[in-house]
């Protein structure tokens, strides 16, 4: 059940900035585009951080030199 929440969080972290950017692009609103690009960069950085720390660092057990 926990994986469903993780996948939905990742999906919405990607979907919201993308949708907002597309709408701002169509309506030619530069300030909104800039905000959605910043939002996408922050979301992408957090996703990469959690993937790196949760997946890559957890594969090396304590005491082993990976």
Protein backbone atom coordinates (compact mmCIF):
# COMPACT_ATOMS: atom_id res chain seq x y z
CA UNK A 1 0.00 0.00 0.00
CA UNK A 2 2.90 2.36 0.66
CA UNK A 3 4.15 2.04 -2.93
CA UNK A 4 0.84 3.41 -4.21
CA UNK A 5 1.36 6.61 -2.23
CA UNK A 6 4.99 6.89 -3.35
CA UNK A 7 4.04 6.49 -7.01
CA UNK A 8 1.18 8.98 -6.72
CA UNK A 9 3.49 11.51 -5.04
CA UNK A 10 6.04 11.15 -7.83
CA UNK A 11 3.31 11.37 -10.47
CA UNK A 12 1.79 14.54 -9.02
CA UNK A 13 5.22 16.12 -8.46
CA UNK A 14 5.83 15.76 -12.18
CA UNK A 15 2.30 16.37 -13.44
CA UNK A 16 1.56 19.69 -11.72
CA UNK A 17 4.57 21.67 -13.00
CA UNK A 18 4.26 20.19 -16.48
CA UNK A 19 0.57 21.01 -16.80
CA UNK A 20 1.06 24.51 -15.42
CA UNK A 21 3.96 25.19 -17.77
CA UNK A 22 1.99 24.02 -20.81
CA UNK A 23 -0.99 26.21 -19.90
CA UNK A 24 1.30 29.20 -19.27
CA UNK A 25 3.04 28.57 -22.59
CA UNK A 26 -0.26 28.48 -24.49
CA UNK A 27 -1.52 31.68 -22.84
CA UNK A 28 1.88 33.39 -23.25
CA UNK A 29 2.37 34.31 -19.59
CA UNK A 30 6.08 34.72 -18.89
CA UNK A 31 5.86 35.20 -15.14
CA UNK A 32 3.80 32.04 -14.74
CA UNK A 33 6.18 30.09 -16.98
CA UNK A 34 9.11 31.14 -14.81
CA UNK A 35 7.31 30.04 -11.64
CA UNK A 36 6.44 26.66 -13.10
CA UNK A 37 10.01 26.13 -14.27
CA UNK A 38 11.24 26.86 -10.76
CA UNK A 39 8.59 24.52 -9.38
CA UNK A 40 9.73 21.78 -11.79
CA UNK A 41 13.37 22.27 -10.84
CA UNK A 42 12.61 22.01 -7.12
CA UNK A 43 10.41 18.94 -7.63
CA UNK A 44 13.02 17.30 -9.84
CA UNK A 45 15.76 17.99 -7.32
CA UNK A 46 13.73 16.47 -4.50
CA UNK A 47 12.86 13.41 -6.59
CA UNK A 48 16.54 12.87 -7.46
CA UNK A 49 17.56 13.33 -3.84
CA UNK A 50 15.07 10.74 -2.59
CA UNK A 51 15.92 8.30 -5.37
CA UNK A 52 19.64 8.59 -4.72
CA UNK A 53 19.41 8.42 -0.95
CA UNK A 54 16.63 5.83 -0.83
CA UNK A 55 17.72 3.48 -3.58
CA UNK A 56 21.43 3.78 -4.18
CA UNK A 57 22.64 4.34 -0.63
CA UNK A 58 20.40 1.68 0.86
CA UNK A 59 21.86 -1.06 -1.36
CA UNK A 60 25.21 -0.96 0.40
CA UNK A 61 24.93 -2.73 3.79
CA UNK A 62 26.79 -1.32 6.77
CA UNK A 63 30.37 -2.47 7.02
CA UNK A 64 30.83 -3.07 3.28
CA UNK A 65 32.81 -0.80 0.99
CA UNK A 66 30.74 -0.24 -2.13
